[in-house]
């Protein structure tokens, strides 16, 4: 009985540490975007919620990375798309110029990565996986 209780306590501690890591990552991501877009107080709260949801969703699909790569990639794309859509809805018109410029820079980096990988002879699957990692 003591062993079961001890294992349960260790499991809870492990889950708490993982949740703290997700929150820390979400806060760091939110801070970068808050600075980039010069968000007001209400927008800052919402941005943190968006980033926390993203981290929760990423944690939920992580087991698929090893078992079902295609499904993992599909869900990862969906998470990135929905996070991006939430950010677009959050921003005011004057902040959208900065958003559009950031997207142009991201697409430029993405195109350069595709070109680099194609020149190296990478397969379509390898290119797709590299592009998904680039989005993180």
N, C-alpha and C. Protein backbone atom coordinates (compact mmCIF):
# COMPACT_ATOMS: atom_id res chain seq x y z
N UNK A 1 0.82 -1.18 0.00
CA UNK A 1 0.00 0.00 0.00
C UNK A 1 0.87 1.26 0.00
N UNK A 2 1.97 1.21 0.75
CA UNK A 2 2.87 2.36 0.79
C UNK A 2 3.49 2.61 -0.58
N UNK A 3 3.81 1.52 -1.29
CA UNK A 3 4.40 1.66 -2.62
C UNK A 3 3.43 2.30 -3.60
N UNK A 4 2.17 1.93 -3.53
CA UNK A 4 1.17 2.50 -4.41
C UNK A 4 1.03 4.01 -4.12
N UNK A 5 0.97 4.35 -2.86
CA UNK A 5 0.85 5.75 -2.46
C UNK A 5 2.07 6.54 -2.93
N UNK A 6 3.25 5.97 -2.76
CA UNK A 6 4.49 6.61 -3.16
C UNK A 6 4.51 6.84 -4.68
N UNK A 7 4.09 5.84 -5.44
CA UNK A 7 4.03 5.96 -6.90
C UNK A 7 3.03 7.05 -7.31
N UNK A 8 1.92 7.10 -6.62
CA UNK A 8 0.91 8.11 -6.91
C UNK A 8 1.46 9.52 -6.67
N UNK A 9 2.17 9.69 -5.57
CA UNK A 9 2.77 10.99 -5.26
C UNK A 9 3.80 11.38 -6.33
N UNK A 10 4.61 10.44 -6.74
CA UNK A 10 5.60 10.72 -7.78
C UNK A 10 4.92 11.10 -9.10
N UNK A 11 3.83 10.41 -9.42
CA UNK A 11 3.09 10.73 -10.64
C UNK A 11 2.54 12.15 -10.58
N UNK A 12 1.98 12.53 -9.46
CA UNK A 12 1.44 13.89 -9.31
C UNK A 12 2.54 14.94 -9.43
N UNK A 13 3.68 14.66 -8.82
CA UNK A 13 4.79 15.60 -8.91
C UNK A 13 5.28 15.73 -10.36
N UNK A 14 5.33 14.62 -11.05
CA UNK A 14 5.75 14.63 -12.46
C UNK A 14 4.79 15.43 -13.32
N UNK A 15 3.51 15.26 -13.09
CA UNK A 15 2.50 16.01 -13.85
C UNK A 15 2.58 17.50 -13.54
N UNK A 16 2.84 17.83 -12.29
CA UNK A 16 2.95 19.23 -11.90
C UNK A 16 4.16 19.88 -12.58
N UNK A 17 5.27 19.18 -12.62
CA UNK A 17 6.48 19.71 -13.26
C UNK A 17 6.22 19.92 -14.75
N UNK A 18 5.55 18.96 -15.39
CA UNK A 18 5.25 19.09 -16.81
C UNK A 18 4.33 20.28 -17.06
N UNK A 19 3.33 20.47 -16.22
CA UNK A 19 2.42 21.61 -16.36
C UNK A 19 3.17 22.93 -16.18
N UNK A 20 4.12 22.96 -15.23
CA UNK A 20 4.90 24.17 -15.03
C UNK A 20 5.77 24.46 -16.24
N UNK A 21 6.34 23.42 -16.85
CA UNK A 21 7.15 23.61 -18.05
C UNK A 21 6.31 24.19 -19.18
N UNK A 22 5.09 23.66 -19.37
CA UNK A 22 4.20 24.17 -20.41
C UNK A 22 3.85 25.63 -20.15
N UNK A 23 3.58 25.96 -18.90
CA UNK A 23 3.23 27.33 -18.54
C UNK A 23 4.41 28.26 -18.78
N UNK A 24 5.60 27.81 -18.45
CA UNK A 24 6.80 28.62 -18.66
C UNK A 24 7.03 28.87 -20.15
N UNK A 25 6.87 27.85 -20.95
CA UNK A 25 7.03 28.00 -22.40
C UNK A 25 5.96 28.94 -22.95
N UNK A 26 4.72 28.75 -22.50
CA UNK A 26 3.62 29.60 -22.96
C UNK A 26 3.88 31.05 -22.58
N UNK A 27 4.36 31.28 -21.38
CA UNK A 27 4.64 32.65 -20.93
C UNK A 27 5.76 33.28 -21.77
N UNK A 28 6.80 32.51 -22.05
CA UNK A 28 7.91 33.02 -22.86
C UNK A 28 7.44 33.35 -24.28
N UNK A 29 6.64 32.46 -24.87
CA UNK A 29 6.11 32.71 -26.21
C UNK A 29 5.21 33.94 -26.21
N UNK A 30 4.35 34.03 -25.19
CA UNK A 30 3.45 35.18 -25.09
C UNK A 30 4.23 36.47 -24.92
N UNK A 31 5.28 36.45 -24.11
CA UNK A 31 6.08 37.65 -23.89
C UNK A 31 6.71 38.15 -25.18
N UNK A 32 7.21 37.22 -26.01
CA UNK A 32 7.80 37.61 -27.29
C UNK A 32 6.77 38.29 -28.18
N UNK A 33 5.57 37.70 -28.23
CA UNK A 33 4.53 38.25 -29.09
C UNK A 33 3.96 39.55 -28.53
N UNK A 34 3.89 39.65 -27.21
CA UNK A 34 3.42 40.89 -26.58
C UNK A 34 4.35 42.04 -26.95
N UNK A 35 5.63 41.78 -26.90
CA UNK A 35 6.61 42.80 -27.25
C UNK A 35 6.55 43.13 -28.74
N UNK A 36 6.46 42.09 -29.57
CA UNK A 36 6.44 42.28 -31.02
C UNK A 36 5.26 43.14 -31.46
N UNK A 37 4.08 42.80 -30.95
CA UNK A 37 2.85 43.48 -31.40
C UNK A 37 2.44 44.64 -30.50
N UNK A 38 3.18 44.91 -29.43
CA UNK A 38 2.85 45.99 -28.51
C UNK A 38 1.40 45.88 -28.04
N UNK A 39 1.08 44.75 -27.39
CA UNK A 39 -0.28 44.47 -26.98
C UNK A 39 -0.67 45.25 -25.73
N UNK A 40 -1.95 45.62 -25.64
CA UNK A 40 -2.45 46.28 -24.44
C UNK A 40 -2.72 45.23 -23.35
N UNK A 41 -3.16 45.66 -22.18
CA UNK A 41 -3.32 44.75 -21.04
C UNK A 41 -4.29 43.61 -21.33
N UNK A 42 -5.44 43.91 -21.91
CA UNK A 42 -6.43 42.87 -22.20
C UNK A 42 -5.90 41.90 -23.25
N UNK A 43 -5.24 42.43 -24.25
CA UNK A 43 -4.65 41.58 -25.29
C UNK A 43 -3.56 40.67 -24.70
N UNK A 44 -2.81 41.18 -23.73
CA UNK A 44 -1.76 40.38 -23.11
C UNK A 44 -2.35 39.16 -22.41
N UNK A 45 -3.45 39.35 -21.71
CA UNK A 45 -4.12 38.24 -21.02
C UNK A 45 -4.59 37.21 -22.04
N UNK A 46 -5.20 37.69 -23.11
CA UNK A 46 -5.71 36.78 -24.14
C UNK A 46 -4.57 36.06 -24.85
N UNK A 47 -3.46 36.76 -25.10
CA UNK A 47 -2.31 36.13 -25.76
C UNK A 47 -1.75 35.01 -24.90
N UNK A 48 -1.68 35.22 -23.60
CA UNK A 48 -1.20 34.16 -22.71
C UNK A 48 -2.15 32.96 -22.77
N UNK A 49 -3.44 33.20 -22.80
CA UNK A 49 -4.41 32.11 -22.90
C UNK A 49 -4.23 31.34 -24.21
N UNK A 50 -4.00 32.06 -25.30
CA UNK A 50 -3.77 31.42 -26.60
C UNK A 50 -2.53 30.53 -26.54
N UNK A 51 -1.46 31.05 -25.96
CA UNK A 51 -0.21 30.29 -25.90
C UNK A 51 -0.32 29.09 -24.94
N UNK A 52 -1.06 29.26 -23.85
CA UNK A 52 -1.27 28.13 -22.94
C UNK A 52 -2.08 27.02 -23.63
N UNK A 53 -3.09 27.42 -24.38
CA UNK A 53 -3.89 26.43 -25.12
C UNK A 53 -3.02 25.70 -26.14
N UNK A 54 -2.16 26.45 -26.83
CA UNK A 54 -1.26 25.84 -27.80
C UNK A 54 -0.37 24.80 -27.12
N UNK A 55 0.21 25.15 -25.98
CA UNK A 55 1.09 24.21 -25.27
C UNK A 55 0.32 22.97 -24.80
N UNK A 56 -0.90 23.16 -24.32
CA UNK A 56 -1.72 22.00 -23.91
C UNK A 56 -1.99 21.09 -25.09
N UNK A 57 -2.35 21.69 -26.22
CA UNK A 57 -2.63 20.90 -27.42
C UNK A 57 -1.38 20.17 -27.92
N UNK A 58 -0.24 20.84 -27.87
CA UNK A 58 1.00 20.18 -28.28
C UNK A 58 1.34 19.00 -27.37
N UNK A 59 1.11 19.17 -26.08
CA UNK A 59 1.38 18.09 -25.13
C UNK A 59 0.45 16.90 -25.38
N UNK A 60 -0.79 17.19 -25.76
CA UNK A 60 -1.75 16.11 -26.01
C UNK A 60 -1.37 15.27 -27.22
N UNK A 61 -0.79 15.88 -28.24
CA UNK A 61 -0.46 15.11 -29.45
C UNK A 61 0.94 14.53 -29.44
N UNK A 62 1.75 14.87 -28.46
CA UNK A 62 3.14 14.40 -28.42
C UNK A 62 3.27 12.88 -28.52
N UNK A 63 2.41 12.09 -27.88
CA UNK A 63 2.54 10.63 -28.03
C UNK A 63 2.40 10.14 -29.48
N UNK A 64 1.72 10.90 -30.31
CA UNK A 64 1.55 10.50 -31.71
C UNK A 64 2.85 10.62 -32.51
N UNK A 65 3.77 11.43 -32.04
CA UNK A 65 5.03 11.64 -32.76
C UNK A 65 5.74 10.30 -33.03
N UNK A 66 5.69 9.41 -32.07
CA UNK A 66 6.40 8.13 -32.21
C UNK A 66 5.52 7.04 -32.82
N UNK A 67 4.20 7.17 -32.71
CA UNK A 67 3.33 6.08 -33.14
C UNK A 67 2.66 6.32 -34.49
N UNK A 68 2.28 7.55 -34.79
CA UNK A 68 1.55 7.86 -36.03
C UNK A 68 1.99 9.23 -36.53
N UNK A 69 3.09 9.23 -37.26
CA UNK A 69 3.74 10.47 -37.66
C UNK A 69 2.83 11.33 -38.54
N UNK A 70 2.13 10.73 -39.49
CA UNK A 70 1.26 11.50 -40.38
C UNK A 70 0.15 12.18 -39.61
N UNK A 71 -0.45 11.46 -38.69
CA UNK A 71 -1.52 12.04 -37.87
C UNK A 71 -0.95 13.14 -36.98
N UNK A 72 0.24 12.91 -36.44
CA UNK A 72 0.90 13.93 -35.63
C UNK A 72 1.12 15.20 -36.44
N UNK A 73 1.64 15.06 -37.66
CA UNK A 73 1.90 16.22 -38.50
C UNK A 73 0.61 16.95 -38.86
N UNK A 74 -0.44 16.18 -39.13
CA UNK A 74 -1.73 16.78 -39.46
C UNK A 74 -2.25 17.60 -38.27
N UNK A 75 -2.20 17.04 -37.09
CA UNK A 75 -2.67 17.73 -35.89
C UNK A 75 -1.77 18.93 -35.56
N UNK A 76 -0.48 18.79 -35.79
CA UNK A 76 0.44 19.89 -35.53
C UNK A 76 0.13 21.08 -36.45
N UNK A 77 -0.13 20.78 -37.74
CA UNK A 77 -0.53 21.84 -38.67
C UNK A 77 -1.80 22.53 -38.20
N UNK A 78 -2.77 21.73 -37.73
CA UNK A 78 -4.04 22.28 -37.26
C UNK A 78 -3.82 23.19 -36.04
N UNK A 79 -2.95 22.78 -35.14
CA UNK A 79 -2.66 23.60 -33.96
C UNK A 79 -2.03 24.93 -34.38
N UNK A 80 -1.07 24.88 -35.29
CA UNK A 80 -0.42 26.10 -35.76
C UNK A 80 -1.43 27.02 -36.45
N UNK A 81 -2.29 26.42 -37.27
CA UNK A 81 -3.29 27.21 -37.99
C UNK A 81 -4.26 27.88 -37.02
N UNK A 82 -4.76 27.12 -36.06
CA UNK A 82 -5.74 27.69 -35.13
C UNK A 82 -5.10 28.74 -34.21
N UNK A 83 -3.86 28.53 -33.81
CA UNK A 83 -3.16 29.52 -33.00
C UNK A 83 -2.97 30.81 -33.79
N UNK A 84 -2.58 30.66 -35.04
CA UNK A 84 -2.39 31.83 -35.90
C UNK A 84 -3.71 32.57 -36.09
N UNK A 85 -4.79 31.85 -36.30
CA UNK A 85 -6.10 32.48 -36.47
C UNK A 85 -6.52 33.22 -35.20
N UNK A 86 -6.25 32.64 -34.05
CA UNK A 86 -6.58 33.30 -32.78
C UNK A 86 -5.80 34.59 -32.61
N UNK A 87 -4.54 34.56 -33.01
CA UNK A 87 -3.70 35.76 -32.91
C UNK A 87 -4.22 36.84 -33.86
N UNK A 88 -4.58 36.45 -35.08
CA UNK A 88 -5.11 37.43 -36.04
C UNK A 88 -6.37 38.09 -35.50
N UNK A 89 -7.26 37.31 -34.88
CA UNK A 89 -8.49 37.88 -34.33
C UNK A 89 -8.20 38.83 -33.16
N UNK A 90 -7.13 38.57 -32.45
CA UNK A 90 -6.77 39.37 -31.29
C UNK A 90 -6.24 40.75 -31.67
N UNK A 91 -5.53 40.82 -32.77
CA UNK A 91 -4.81 42.04 -33.12
C UNK A 91 -5.74 43.13 -33.65
N UNK A 92 -5.38 44.36 -33.33
CA UNK A 92 -6.07 45.53 -33.86
C UNK A 92 -5.47 45.87 -35.22
N UNK A 93 -6.16 46.70 -35.97
CA UNK A 93 -5.74 47.02 -37.34
C UNK A 93 -4.31 47.57 -37.38
N UNK A 94 -3.95 48.44 -36.45
CA UNK A 94 -2.60 49.02 -36.47
C UNK A 94 -1.53 47.98 -36.14
N UNK A 95 -1.90 46.91 -35.47
CA UNK A 95 -0.95 45.84 -35.15
C UNK A 95 -0.82 44.84 -36.30
N UNK A 96 -1.78 44.85 -37.21
CA UNK A 96 -1.77 43.90 -38.32
C UNK A 96 -0.61 44.16 -39.29
N UNK A 97 -0.13 45.39 -39.39
CA UNK A 97 1.02 45.66 -40.25
C UNK A 97 2.24 44.89 -39.77
N UNK A 98 2.45 44.90 -38.46
CA UNK A 98 3.57 44.15 -37.88
C UNK A 98 3.36 42.66 -38.10
N UNK A 99 2.12 42.20 -37.94
CA UNK A 99 1.80 40.78 -38.16
C UNK A 99 2.10 40.38 -39.61
N UNK A 100 1.64 41.20 -40.54
CA UNK A 100 1.87 40.89 -41.95
C UNK A 100 3.36 40.84 -42.28
N UNK A 101 4.12 41.76 -41.73
CA UNK A 101 5.57 41.77 -41.96
C UNK A 101 6.22 40.51 -41.38
N UNK A 102 5.79 40.12 -40.19
CA UNK A 102 6.33 38.90 -39.57
C UNK A 102 6.00 37.68 -40.41
N UNK A 103 4.80 37.62 -40.98
CA UNK A 103 4.40 36.49 -41.83
C UNK A 103 5.23 36.46 -43.12
N UNK A 104 5.52 37.63 -43.68
CA UNK A 104 6.35 37.68 -44.87
C UNK A 104 7.74 37.13 -44.56
N UNK A 105 8.30 37.54 -43.43
CA UNK A 105 9.62 37.03 -43.02
C UNK A 105 9.58 35.52 -42.79
N UNK A 106 8.49 35.04 -42.17
CA UNK A 106 8.35 33.60 -41.93
C UNK A 106 8.27 32.84 -43.25
N UNK A 107 7.49 33.35 -44.21
CA UNK A 107 7.38 32.67 -45.51
C UNK A 107 8.71 32.68 -46.25
N UNK A 108 9.49 33.75 -46.09
CA UNK A 108 10.81 33.82 -46.72
C UNK A 108 11.73 32.75 -46.12
N UNK A 109 11.72 32.63 -44.78
CA UNK A 109 12.54 31.59 -44.13
C UNK A 109 12.09 30.19 -44.56
N UNK A 110 10.80 30.00 -44.66
CA UNK A 110 10.23 28.71 -45.08
C UNK A 110 10.68 28.37 -46.51
N UNK A 111 10.60 29.34 -47.42
CA UNK A 111 11.00 29.11 -48.80
C UNK A 111 12.49 28.79 -48.89
N UNK A 112 13.30 29.49 -48.10
CA UNK A 112 14.74 29.23 -48.10
C UNK A 112 15.03 27.82 -47.58
N UNK A 113 14.28 27.39 -46.56
CA UNK A 113 14.47 26.04 -46.01
C UNK A 113 14.10 24.98 -47.04
N UNK A 114 12.99 25.19 -47.76
CA UNK A 114 12.57 24.25 -48.80
C UNK A 114 13.64 24.15 -49.87
N UNK A 115 14.15 25.30 -50.30
CA UNK A 115 15.18 25.32 -51.34
C UNK A 115 16.43 24.58 -50.87
N UNK A 116 16.84 24.85 -49.64
CA UNK A 116 18.02 24.19 -49.08
C UNK A 116 17.84 22.68 -49.03
N UNK A 117 16.68 22.23 -48.57
CA UNK A 117 16.44 20.79 -48.45
C UNK A 117 16.32 20.12 -49.81
N UNK A 118 15.72 20.79 -50.77
CA UNK A 118 15.61 20.22 -52.11
C UNK A 118 16.99 20.07 -52.74
N UNK A 119 17.82 21.08 -52.54
CA UNK A 119 19.18 21.01 -53.08
C UNK A 119 19.98 19.89 -52.42
N UNK A 120 19.65 19.59 -51.16
CA UNK A 120 20.34 18.51 -50.44
C UNK A 120 19.75 17.15 -50.80
N UNK A 121 18.67 17.14 -51.60
CA UNK A 121 18.08 15.88 -52.03
C UNK A 121 17.13 15.26 -51.02
N UNK A 122 16.54 16.05 -50.17
CA UNK A 122 15.61 15.54 -49.16
C UNK A 122 14.31 15.12 -49.81
N UNK A 123 13.68 14.12 -49.20
CA UNK A 123 12.40 13.63 -49.70
C UNK A 123 11.29 14.60 -49.29
N UNK A 124 10.12 14.42 -49.89
CA UNK A 124 8.98 15.28 -49.56
C UNK A 124 8.60 15.15 -48.08
N UNK A 125 8.69 13.95 -47.55
CA UNK A 125 8.36 13.73 -46.14
C UNK A 125 9.35 14.44 -45.22
N UNK A 126 10.62 14.38 -45.58
CA UNK A 126 11.64 15.06 -44.79
C UNK A 126 11.46 16.58 -44.83
N UNK A 127 11.09 17.08 -46.00
CA UNK A 127 10.85 18.52 -46.14
C UNK A 127 9.67 18.93 -45.28
N UNK A 128 8.58 18.15 -45.35
CA UNK A 128 7.39 18.45 -44.56
C UNK A 128 7.70 18.45 -43.07
N UNK A 129 8.45 17.48 -42.62
CA UNK A 129 8.80 17.40 -41.19
C UNK A 129 9.66 18.60 -40.79
N UNK A 130 10.59 18.97 -41.61
CA UNK A 130 11.45 20.13 -41.31
C UNK A 130 10.64 21.42 -41.27
N UNK A 131 9.69 21.55 -42.16
CA UNK A 131 8.86 22.77 -42.18
C UNK A 131 7.97 22.84 -40.93
N UNK A 132 7.47 21.72 -40.50
CA UNK A 132 6.65 21.72 -39.29
C UNK A 132 7.48 22.09 -38.07
N UNK A 133 8.72 21.64 -38.02
CA UNK A 133 9.59 22.00 -36.91
C UNK A 133 9.95 23.48 -36.96
N UNK A 134 10.04 24.03 -38.18
CA UNK A 134 10.35 25.43 -38.35
C UNK A 134 9.24 26.31 -37.78
N UNK A 135 7.99 25.82 -37.82
CA UNK A 135 6.86 26.59 -37.31
C UNK A 135 6.88 26.70 -35.79
N UNK A 136 7.55 25.79 -35.12
CA UNK A 136 7.57 25.84 -33.64
C UNK A 136 8.43 26.91 -33.17
